[in-house]
N, C-alpha and C. Protein backbone atom coordinates (compact mmCIF):
# COMPACT_ATOMS: atom_id res chain seq x y z
N UNK A 1 0.84 -1.16 0.00
CA UNK A 1 0.00 0.00 0.00
C UNK A 1 0.90 1.25 0.00
N UNK A 2 1.16 1.81 -1.15
CA UNK A 2 2.00 3.00 -1.22
C UNK A 2 1.32 4.20 -0.58
N UNK A 3 2.13 5.08 -0.08
CA UNK A 3 1.62 6.26 0.61
C UNK A 3 1.64 7.45 -0.33
N UNK A 4 0.60 8.25 -0.26
CA UNK A 4 0.57 9.47 -1.06
C UNK A 4 0.81 10.70 -0.19
N UNK A 5 1.11 10.50 1.10
CA UNK A 5 1.32 11.62 1.99
C UNK A 5 2.78 11.74 2.45
N UNK A 6 3.69 11.08 1.74
CA UNK A 6 5.10 11.16 2.07
C UNK A 6 5.52 10.27 3.22
N UNK A 7 4.61 9.43 3.72
CA UNK A 7 4.93 8.59 4.86
C UNK A 7 6.03 7.58 4.54
N UNK A 8 6.01 6.98 3.34
CA UNK A 8 7.03 6.00 2.99
C UNK A 8 8.42 6.62 3.04
N UNK A 9 8.56 7.81 2.52
CA UNK A 9 9.86 8.51 2.56
C UNK A 9 10.26 8.83 4.00
N UNK A 10 9.28 9.27 4.80
CA UNK A 10 9.55 9.60 6.19
C UNK A 10 10.03 8.37 6.95
N UNK A 11 9.40 7.21 6.70
CA UNK A 11 9.81 5.97 7.35
C UNK A 11 11.22 5.60 6.91
N UNK A 12 11.53 5.76 5.64
CA UNK A 12 12.88 5.49 5.14
C UNK A 12 13.90 6.38 5.85
N UNK A 13 13.58 7.65 5.99
CA UNK A 13 14.47 8.57 6.70
C UNK A 13 14.61 8.17 8.17
N UNK A 14 13.50 7.71 8.77
CA UNK A 14 13.53 7.27 10.16
C UNK A 14 14.48 6.09 10.33
N UNK A 15 14.44 5.16 9.36
CA UNK A 15 15.38 4.01 9.39
C UNK A 15 16.82 4.51 9.37
N UNK A 16 17.10 5.49 8.53
CA UNK A 16 18.45 6.05 8.45
C UNK A 16 18.86 6.68 9.77
N UNK A 17 17.96 7.43 10.38
CA UNK A 17 18.26 8.07 11.67
C UNK A 17 18.53 7.01 12.74
N UNK A 18 17.76 5.94 12.73
CA UNK A 18 17.96 4.86 13.69
C UNK A 18 19.33 4.21 13.47
N UNK A 19 19.65 3.92 12.23
CA UNK A 19 20.92 3.28 11.90
C UNK A 19 22.12 4.17 12.27
N UNK A 20 21.94 5.47 12.16
CA UNK A 20 23.03 6.41 12.46
C UNK A 20 23.14 6.71 13.95
N UNK A 21 22.23 6.17 14.75
CA UNK A 21 22.26 6.43 16.19
C UNK A 21 21.66 7.76 16.59
N UNK A 22 20.99 8.42 15.65
CA UNK A 22 20.41 9.74 15.92
C UNK A 22 19.25 9.69 16.92
N UNK A 23 18.70 8.51 17.15
CA UNK A 23 17.53 8.40 18.01
C UNK A 23 17.87 7.89 19.41
N UNK A 24 19.15 7.70 19.69
CA UNK A 24 19.58 7.25 21.01
C UNK A 24 19.15 8.28 22.05
N UNK A 25 18.55 7.82 23.10
CA UNK A 25 18.15 8.72 24.18
C UNK A 25 16.84 9.45 23.95
N UNK A 26 16.14 9.16 22.85
CA UNK A 26 14.86 9.83 22.62
C UNK A 26 13.87 9.39 23.71
N UNK A 27 13.11 10.33 24.17
CA UNK A 27 12.14 10.07 25.24
C UNK A 27 11.03 9.15 24.75
N UNK A 28 10.30 8.52 25.69
CA UNK A 28 9.16 7.68 25.30
C UNK A 28 8.15 8.48 24.46
N UNK A 29 7.57 7.79 23.50
CA UNK A 29 6.57 8.38 22.61
C UNK A 29 5.32 7.53 22.73
N UNK A 30 4.22 8.13 23.11
CA UNK A 30 2.97 7.39 23.30
C UNK A 30 2.22 7.28 21.97
N UNK A 31 2.31 6.10 21.37
CA UNK A 31 1.54 5.82 20.15
C UNK A 31 0.56 4.67 20.41
N UNK A 32 0.34 4.39 21.68
CA UNK A 32 -0.55 3.29 22.05
C UNK A 32 0.23 2.02 22.33
N UNK A 33 -0.48 0.98 22.76
CA UNK A 33 0.10 -0.33 22.96
C UNK A 33 1.15 -0.34 24.07
N UNK A 34 1.07 0.59 25.03
CA UNK A 34 2.00 0.64 26.14
C UNK A 34 3.34 1.27 25.83
N UNK A 35 3.43 1.98 24.72
CA UNK A 35 4.73 2.54 24.30
C UNK A 35 5.25 3.62 25.25
N UNK A 36 4.40 4.18 26.08
CA UNK A 36 4.87 5.23 26.99
C UNK A 36 5.86 4.67 28.01
N UNK A 37 5.95 3.34 28.09
CA UNK A 37 6.87 2.70 29.04
C UNK A 37 8.21 2.32 28.40
N UNK A 38 8.37 2.58 27.13
CA UNK A 38 9.60 2.23 26.42
C UNK A 38 10.35 3.48 26.00
N UNK A 39 11.65 3.35 25.88
CA UNK A 39 12.42 4.44 25.28
C UNK A 39 11.91 4.64 23.85
N UNK A 40 11.93 5.87 23.39
CA UNK A 40 11.46 6.17 22.04
C UNK A 40 12.18 5.36 20.98
N UNK A 41 13.49 5.19 21.14
CA UNK A 41 14.26 4.41 20.18
C UNK A 41 13.76 2.97 20.13
N UNK A 42 13.42 2.39 21.28
CA UNK A 42 12.91 1.02 21.31
C UNK A 42 11.57 0.92 20.60
N UNK A 43 10.69 1.88 20.84
CA UNK A 43 9.39 1.89 20.17
C UNK A 43 9.57 1.94 18.66
N UNK A 44 10.45 2.82 18.21
CA UNK A 44 10.69 2.96 16.77
C UNK A 44 11.27 1.68 16.19
N UNK A 45 12.22 1.09 16.90
CA UNK A 45 12.83 -0.17 16.44
C UNK A 45 11.77 -1.27 16.31
N UNK A 46 10.90 -1.39 17.33
CA UNK A 46 9.84 -2.41 17.29
C UNK A 46 8.89 -2.15 16.12
N UNK A 47 8.49 -0.89 15.94
CA UNK A 47 7.57 -0.56 14.85
C UNK A 47 8.18 -0.88 13.49
N UNK A 48 9.46 -0.56 13.31
CA UNK A 48 10.11 -0.85 12.03
C UNK A 48 10.25 -2.35 11.82
N UNK A 49 10.58 -3.09 12.88
CA UNK A 49 10.66 -4.54 12.77
C UNK A 49 9.30 -5.14 12.45
N UNK A 50 8.27 -4.62 13.08
CA UNK A 50 6.91 -5.08 12.81
C UNK A 50 6.56 -4.85 11.34
N UNK A 51 6.91 -3.69 10.84
CA UNK A 51 6.65 -3.38 9.44
C UNK A 51 7.38 -4.36 8.51
N UNK A 52 8.63 -4.67 8.85
CA UNK A 52 9.42 -5.60 8.04
C UNK A 52 8.86 -7.03 8.06
N UNK A 53 8.20 -7.40 9.16
CA UNK A 53 7.72 -8.77 9.34
C UNK A 53 6.33 -9.04 8.77
N UNK A 54 5.76 -8.06 8.12
CA UNK A 54 4.40 -8.24 7.61
C UNK A 54 4.38 -9.09 6.34
N UNK A 55 4.62 -10.35 6.50
CA UNK A 55 4.65 -11.26 5.35
C UNK A 55 3.48 -12.23 5.34
N UNK A 56 2.73 -12.32 6.40
CA UNK A 56 1.61 -13.25 6.47
C UNK A 56 0.39 -12.60 5.83
N UNK A 57 -0.02 -13.08 4.64
CA UNK A 57 -1.12 -12.45 3.94
C UNK A 57 -2.45 -12.50 4.69
N UNK A 58 -2.59 -13.42 5.64
CA UNK A 58 -3.86 -13.54 6.37
C UNK A 58 -4.15 -12.30 7.22
N UNK A 59 -3.14 -11.67 7.75
CA UNK A 59 -3.38 -10.49 8.57
C UNK A 59 -2.57 -9.28 8.14
N UNK A 60 -1.81 -9.40 7.09
CA UNK A 60 -0.91 -8.35 6.65
C UNK A 60 -1.62 -7.02 6.41
N UNK A 61 -2.68 -7.01 5.63
CA UNK A 61 -3.34 -5.75 5.25
C UNK A 61 -3.90 -5.02 6.47
N UNK A 62 -4.59 -5.75 7.34
CA UNK A 62 -5.16 -5.12 8.53
C UNK A 62 -4.06 -4.56 9.44
N UNK A 63 -3.02 -5.35 9.66
CA UNK A 63 -1.94 -4.90 10.52
C UNK A 63 -1.17 -3.75 9.88
N UNK A 64 -0.99 -3.81 8.57
CA UNK A 64 -0.29 -2.74 7.87
C UNK A 64 -1.02 -1.41 8.02
N UNK A 65 -2.33 -1.44 7.88
CA UNK A 65 -3.12 -0.20 8.04
C UNK A 65 -2.96 0.35 9.45
N UNK A 66 -3.04 -0.51 10.45
CA UNK A 66 -2.88 -0.06 11.83
C UNK A 66 -1.49 0.46 12.11
N UNK A 67 -0.49 -0.22 11.58
CA UNK A 67 0.89 0.19 11.79
C UNK A 67 1.18 1.52 11.10
N UNK A 68 0.65 1.71 9.92
CA UNK A 68 0.84 2.99 9.22
C UNK A 68 0.17 4.13 10.00
N UNK A 69 -0.98 3.86 10.61
CA UNK A 69 -1.62 4.86 11.46
C UNK A 69 -0.72 5.20 12.65
N UNK A 70 -0.08 4.17 13.22
CA UNK A 70 0.85 4.41 14.33
C UNK A 70 2.03 5.26 13.88
N UNK A 71 2.55 5.01 12.69
CA UNK A 71 3.66 5.82 12.18
C UNK A 71 3.21 7.26 11.94
N UNK A 72 2.00 7.46 11.47
CA UNK A 72 1.49 8.83 11.29
C UNK A 72 1.43 9.55 12.64
N UNK A 73 0.94 8.83 13.66
CA UNK A 73 0.87 9.41 15.00
C UNK A 73 2.27 9.73 15.50
N UNK A 74 3.23 8.82 15.28
CA UNK A 74 4.61 9.04 15.69
C UNK A 74 5.18 10.26 14.99
N UNK A 75 4.92 10.39 13.69
CA UNK A 75 5.42 11.53 12.93
C UNK A 75 4.88 12.84 13.50
N UNK A 76 3.60 12.86 13.85
CA UNK A 76 3.02 14.07 14.44
C UNK A 76 3.65 14.39 15.79
N UNK A 77 3.90 13.36 16.60
CA UNK A 77 4.45 13.58 17.92
C UNK A 77 5.92 14.02 17.88
N UNK A 78 6.66 13.50 16.91
CA UNK A 78 8.09 13.85 16.81
C UNK A 78 8.30 15.14 16.04
N UNK A 79 7.32 15.51 15.24
CA UNK A 79 7.43 16.77 14.49
C UNK A 79 8.19 16.66 13.21
């Protein structure tokens, strides 16, 4: 499901920031699912891993939509 709001590019940039260590020490970000208890970097790492693991066609589309909504919320919170 390609994004028409620039989200795919933003996620790609987020991956780069994570790989470069730019997100070390980021405060918790509340995007639901108990994320307020995790370091922001951990939440982002989990979300990106979840996105990468969406290979099961039985639930992929539903989970992808929910995960993309979470990334939109994260983008708004991080600015």
